[in-house]
C-alpha atoms as a PDB file:
ATOM      1  CA  MET A   1      -7.378 -44.518 -31.797  1.00  0.00           C
ATOM      2  CA  PRO A   2      -5.071 -42.798 -29.260  1.00  0.00           C
ATOM      3  CA  ARG A   3      -4.944 -39.022 -29.283  1.00  0.00           C
ATOM      4  CA  LYS A   4      -1.893 -36.751 -28.966  1.00  0.00           C
ATOM      5  CA  ASP A   5      -2.541 -33.332 -27.418  1.00  0.00           C
ATOM      6  CA  TYR A   6      -0.612 -30.302 -28.693  1.00  0.00           C
ATOM      7  CA  ASN A   7      -2.400 -27.161 -27.446  1.00  0.00           C
ATOM      8  CA  LYS A   8      -0.042 -24.881 -29.371  1.00  0.00           C
ATOM      9  CA  LEU A   9      -0.095 -22.343 -32.170  1.00  0.00           C
ATOM     10  CA  ILE A  10       0.152 -23.914 -35.627  1.00  0.00           C
ATOM     11  CA  ARG A  11       0.684 -22.639 -39.154  1.00  0.00           C
ATOM     12  CA  ASP A  12      -2.430 -21.714 -41.142  1.00  0.00           C
ATOM     13  CA  ARG A  13      -2.237 -24.597 -43.613  1.00  0.00           C
ATOM     14  CA  ILE A  14      -1.818 -27.386 -41.052  1.00  0.00           C
ATOM     15  CA  PRO A  15      -5.590 -28.153 -40.911  1.00  0.00           C
ATOM     16  CA  THR A  16      -5.664 -28.543 -44.706  1.00  0.00           C
ATOM     17  CA  ILE A  17      -2.662 -30.856 -44.564  1.00  0.00           C
ATOM     18  CA  LEU A  18      -4.248 -32.954 -41.806  1.00  0.00           C
ATOM     19  CA  GLU A  19      -7.524 -33.176 -43.748  1.00  0.00           C
ATOM     20  CA  ALA A  20      -5.663 -34.346 -46.858  1.00  0.00           C
ATOM     21  CA  GLN A  21      -4.029 -37.065 -44.763  1.00  0.00           C
ATOM     22  CA  GLN A  22      -7.432 -37.954 -43.266  1.00  0.00           C
ATOM     23  CA  ILE A  23      -6.137 -37.410 -39.738  1.00  0.00           C
ATOM     24  CA  PRO A  24      -8.864 -36.434 -37.237  1.00  0.00           C
ATOM     25  CA  PHE A  25      -8.044 -33.222 -35.364  1.00  0.00           C
ATOM     26  CA  ALA A  26      -9.518 -30.265 -33.512  1.00  0.00           C
ATOM     27  CA  VAL A  27      -8.485 -26.615 -33.770  1.00  0.00           C
ATOM     28  CA  GLU A  28      -9.786 -23.345 -32.417  1.00  0.00           C
ATOM     29  CA  THR A  29      -9.153 -19.742 -33.377  1.00  0.00           C
ATOM     30  CA  MET A  30      -7.208 -17.902 -30.698  1.00  0.00           C
ATOM     31  CA  THR A  31      -8.158 -14.434 -29.589  1.00  0.00           C
ATOM     32  CA  VAL A  32      -6.932 -13.394 -26.153  1.00  0.00           C
ATOM     33  CA  ASP A  33      -4.148 -15.976 -25.948  1.00  0.00           C
ATOM     34  CA  TYR A  34      -2.733 -15.332 -29.428  1.00  0.00           C
ATOM     35  CA  GLN A  35       0.062 -12.920 -28.485  1.00  0.00           C
ATOM     36  CA  GLN A  36       1.184 -15.145 -25.602  1.00  0.00           C
ATOM     37  CA  ALA A  37       1.101 -18.161 -27.935  1.00  0.00           C
ATOM     38  CA  LEU A  38       3.317 -16.279 -30.396  1.00  0.00           C
ATOM     39  CA  ARG A  39       5.845 -15.602 -27.661  1.00  0.00           C
ATOM     40  CA  GLN A  40       5.847 -19.274 -26.685  1.00  0.00           C
ATOM     41  CA  LYS A  41       6.311 -20.148 -30.358  1.00  0.00           C
ATOM     42  CA  LEU A  42       9.300 -17.769 -30.518  1.00  0.00           C
ATOM     43  CA  VAL A  43      10.961 -19.705 -27.702  1.00  0.00           C
ATOM     44  CA  GLU A  44      10.096 -23.051 -29.320  1.00  0.00           C
ATOM     45  CA  GLU A  45      11.451 -22.057 -32.730  1.00  0.00           C
ATOM     46  CA  ALA A  46      14.570 -20.433 -31.242  1.00  0.00           C
ATOM     47  CA  GLN A  47      15.306 -23.655 -29.333  1.00  0.00           C
ATOM     48  CA  GLU A  48      14.828 -25.715 -32.492  1.00  0.00           C
ATOM     49  CA  ALA A  49      17.152 -23.365 -34.404  1.00  0.00           C
ATOM     50  CA  ALA A  50      19.757 -23.612 -31.640  1.00  0.00           C
ATOM     51  CA  GLU A  51      19.706 -27.409 -31.908  1.00  0.00           C
ATOM     52  CA  ALA A  52      19.614 -27.595 -35.730  1.00  0.00           C
ATOM     53  CA  GLU A  53      22.572 -28.456 -37.914  1.00  0.00           C
ATOM     54  CA  GLY A  54      23.294 -28.203 -41.621  1.00  0.00           C
ATOM     55  CA  ALA A  55      20.326 -27.671 -43.925  1.00  0.00           C
ATOM     56  CA  ASP A  56      17.913 -28.021 -40.986  1.00  0.00           C
ATOM     57  CA  LEU A  57      19.254 -24.723 -39.637  1.00  0.00           C
ATOM     58  CA  ILE A  58      17.909 -22.879 -42.680  1.00  0.00           C
ATOM     59  CA  THR A  59      14.447 -24.369 -42.146  1.00  0.00           C
ATOM     60  CA  GLU A  60      14.423 -23.559 -38.439  1.00  0.00           C
ATOM     61  CA  LEU A  61      15.617 -19.982 -39.019  1.00  0.00           C
ATOM     62  CA  ALA A  62      12.870 -19.564 -41.642  1.00  0.00           C
ATOM     63  CA  ASP A  63      10.331 -20.787 -39.081  1.00  0.00           C
ATOM     64  CA  LEU A  64      11.720 -18.330 -36.543  1.00  0.00           C
ATOM     65  CA  LEU A  65      11.421 -15.444 -39.025  1.00  0.00           C
ATOM     66  CA  GLU A  66       7.820 -16.465 -39.747  1.00  0.00           C
ATOM     67  CA  VAL A  67       6.972 -16.240 -36.045  1.00  0.00           C
ATOM     68  CA  ILE A  68       8.810 -12.919 -35.737  1.00  0.00           C
ATOM     69  CA  ASP A  69       6.777 -11.507 -38.637  1.00  0.00           C
ATOM     70  CA  ALA A  70       3.521 -12.754 -37.070  1.00  0.00           C
ATOM     71  CA  THR A  71       4.509 -11.223 -33.726  1.00  0.00           C
ATOM     72  CA  LEU A  72       5.250  -7.886 -35.382  1.00  0.00           C
ATOM     73  CA  MET A  73       1.871  -7.928 -37.101  1.00  0.00           C
ATOM     74  CA  ALA A  74       0.002  -8.908 -33.921  1.00  0.00           C
ATOM     75  CA  ASP A  75       1.667  -6.083 -32.006  1.00  0.00           C
ATOM     76  CA  GLY A  76       1.170  -3.516 -34.765  1.00  0.00           C
ATOM     77  CA  LEU A  77       4.889  -3.129 -35.400  1.00  0.00           C
ATOM     78  CA  GLU A  78       6.835  -2.901 -38.653  1.00  0.00           C
ATOM     79  CA  ARG A  79       9.937  -4.916 -39.547  1.00  0.00           C
ATOM     80  CA  ASP A  80      11.662  -1.621 -40.424  1.00  0.00           C
ATOM     81  CA  GLN A  81      11.301  -0.557 -36.775  1.00  0.00           C
ATOM     82  CA  VAL A  82      13.095  -3.695 -35.645  1.00  0.00           C
ATOM     83  CA  LEU A  83      15.801  -3.331 -38.286  1.00  0.00           C
ATOM     84  CA  ALA A  84      16.381   0.298 -37.266  1.00  0.00           C
ATOM     85  CA  CYS A  85      16.667  -0.768 -33.627  1.00  0.00           C
ATOM     86  CA  GLN A  86      19.048  -3.562 -34.634  1.00  0.00           C
ATOM     87  CA  ALA A  87      21.266  -1.094 -36.519  1.00  0.00           C
ATOM     88  CA  LYS A  88      21.263   1.304 -33.551  1.00  0.00           C
ATOM     89  CA  ARG A  89      22.191  -1.448 -31.091  1.00  0.00           C
ATOM     90  CA  GLN A  90      24.922  -2.655 -33.415  1.00  0.00           C
ATOM     91  CA  ARG A  91      26.369   0.859 -33.643  1.00  0.00           C
ATOM     92  CA  GLU A  92      26.227   1.302 -29.858  1.00  0.00           C
ATOM     93  CA  ARG A  93      27.201  -2.177 -28.645  1.00  0.00           C
ATOM     94  CA  GLY A  94      28.566  -3.964 -31.707  1.00  0.00           C
ATOM     95  CA  GLY A  95      27.555  -7.221 -33.316  1.00  0.00           C
ATOM     96  CA  PHE A  96      28.865 -10.740 -32.891  1.00  0.00           C
ATOM     97  CA  SER A  97      31.332 -10.990 -35.792  1.00  0.00           C
ATOM     98  CA  GLN A  98      34.402 -10.935 -33.518  1.00  0.00           C
ATOM     99  CA  ARG A  99      33.182 -14.077 -31.681  1.00  0.00           C
ATOM    100  CA  LEU A 100      34.012 -12.638 -28.257  1.00  0.00           C
ATOM    101  CA  ARG A 101      33.136 -14.540 -25.061  1.00  0.00           C
ATOM    102  CA  LEU A 102      33.132 -12.615 -21.773  1.00  0.00           C
ATOM    103  CA  LEU A 103      34.934 -14.750 -19.211  1.00  0.00           C
ATOM    104  CA  TRP A 104      34.704 -12.568 -16.131  1.00  0.00           C
ATOM    105  CA  THR A 105      34.584  -9.037 -14.742  1.00  0.00           C
ATOM    106  CA  GLU A 106      35.542  -7.666 -11.374  1.00  0.00           C
ATOM    107  CA  VAL A 107      32.582  -6.794  -9.197  1.00  0.00           C
ATOM    108  CA  THR A 108      32.709  -3.333  -7.685  1.00  0.00           C
ATOM    109  CA  SER A 109      30.577  -2.291  -4.747  1.00  0.00           C
END
Protein backbone atom coordinates (compact mmCIF):
# COMPACT_ATOMS: atom_id res chain seq x y z
CA MET A 1 0.00 0.00 0.00
CA PRO A 2 1.38 3.48 -0.85
CA ARG A 3 2.55 5.65 2.01
CA LYS A 4 1.98 9.39 2.54
CA ASP A 5 4.67 11.20 4.53
CA TYR A 6 3.68 14.02 6.89
CA ASN A 7 6.63 14.70 9.22
CA LYS A 8 4.65 17.26 11.22
CA LEU A 9 3.32 17.82 14.71
CA ILE A 10 -0.05 16.17 15.32
CA ARG A 11 -2.68 16.28 18.04
CA ASP A 12 -2.32 13.78 20.89
CA ARG A 13 -5.33 11.65 19.97
CA ILE A 14 -4.46 11.17 16.29
CA PRO A 15 -2.65 7.82 16.91
CA THR A 16 -5.73 6.48 18.71
CA ILE A 17 -7.95 7.60 15.84
CA LEU A 18 -5.65 5.98 13.26
CA GLU A 19 -5.56 2.74 15.27
CA ALA A 20 -9.36 2.67 15.44
CA GLN A 21 -9.46 3.05 11.66
CA GLN A 22 -6.82 0.32 11.32
CA ILE A 23 -4.53 2.63 9.36
CA PRO A 24 -0.82 1.74 9.67
CA PHE A 25 1.30 4.68 10.82
CA ALA A 26 4.51 5.68 12.57
CA VAL A 27 4.99 8.42 15.16
CA GLU A 28 7.82 9.59 17.36
CA THR A 29 7.93 11.79 20.43
CA MET A 30 9.65 15.09 19.72
CA THR A 31 12.17 16.57 22.09
CA VAL A 32 14.59 19.08 20.59
CA ASP A 33 12.45 19.90 17.56
CA TYR A 34 9.19 20.38 19.47
CA GLN A 35 9.28 24.17 19.86
CA GLN A 36 10.23 24.65 16.20
CA ALA A 37 7.43 22.26 15.19
CA LEU A 38 4.97 24.34 17.23
CA ARG A 39 6.04 27.47 15.39
CA GLN A 40 5.59 25.73 12.05
CA LYS A 41 2.16 24.57 13.23
CA LEU A 42 1.28 28.18 14.12
CA VAL A 43 1.99 29.22 10.54
CA GLU A 44 0.05 26.24 9.16
CA GLU A 45 -3.01 26.88 11.32
CA ALA A 46 -2.91 30.65 10.69
CA GLN A 47 -2.86 29.99 6.93
CA GLU A 48 -5.79 27.59 7.25
CA ALA A 49 -7.71 30.16 9.30
CA ALA A 50 -6.97 32.86 6.72
CA GLU A 51 -8.42 30.65 3.98
CA ALA A 52 -11.44 29.39 5.96
CA GLU A 53 -14.98 30.62 5.49
CA GLY A 54 -18.19 30.28 7.47
CA ALA A 55 -18.29 27.59 10.14
CA ASP A 56 -14.84 26.33 9.08
CA LEU A 57 -13.38 29.58 10.41
CA ILE A 58 -14.46 28.68 13.95
CA THR A 59 -12.75 25.29 13.69
CA GLU A 60 -9.54 26.77 12.29
CA LEU A 61 -9.43 29.51 14.94
CA ALA A 62 -9.93 26.84 17.62
CA ASP A 63 -7.01 24.90 16.15
CA LEU A 64 -4.91 28.06 16.17
CA LEU A 65 -5.75 28.71 19.84
CA GLU A 66 -4.79 25.12 20.67
CA VAL A 67 -1.36 25.63 19.11
CA ILE A 68 -0.96 28.98 20.86
CA ASP A 69 -1.72 27.34 24.21
CA ALA A 70 0.78 24.54 23.51
CA THR A 71 3.42 27.11 22.51
CA LEU A 72 2.84 29.06 25.72
CA MET A 73 3.22 25.89 27.78
CA ALA A 74 6.37 24.79 25.92
CA ASP A 75 7.96 28.20 26.47
CA GLY A 76 6.90 28.43 30.11
CA LEU A 77 4.60 31.39 29.50
CA GLU A 78 1.10 32.12 30.79
CA ARG A 79 -1.88 33.19 28.69
CA ASP A 80 -2.37 36.11 31.10
CA GLN A 81 1.05 37.45 30.04
CA VAL A 82 -0.04 37.45 26.42
CA LEU A 83 -3.40 39.03 27.22
CA ALA A 84 -1.68 41.77 29.25
CA CYS A 85 0.68 42.44 26.34
CA GLN A 86 -2.28 42.49 23.95
CA ALA A 87 -4.09 45.05 26.12
CA LYS A 88 -0.95 47.21 26.33
CA ARG A 89 -0.41 47.12 22.56
CA GLN A 90 -4.06 47.94 21.98
CA ARG A 91 -3.82 50.95 24.31
CA GLU A 92 -0.62 52.15 22.63
CA ARG A 93 -1.32 51.35 18.97
CA GLY A 94 -5.04 50.57 18.81
CA GLY A 95 -6.87 47.53 17.54
CA PHE A 96 -8.38 46.74 14.17
CA SER A 97 -12.03 47.72 14.73
CA GLN A 98 -11.81 50.80 12.49
CA ARG A 99 -10.78 48.64 9.49
CA LEU A 100 -8.03 51.05 8.44
CA ARG A 101 -5.70 50.22 5.53
CA LEU A 102 -2.46 52.21 5.21
CA LEU A 103 -2.09 53.18 1.56
CA TRP A 104 1.18 55.07 1.63
CA THR A 105 3.52 57.32 3.61
CA GLU A 106 6.13 59.78 2.50
CA VAL A 107 9.67 58.55 2.98
CA THR A 108 11.95 60.99 4.75
CA SER A 109 15.71 60.72 4.67
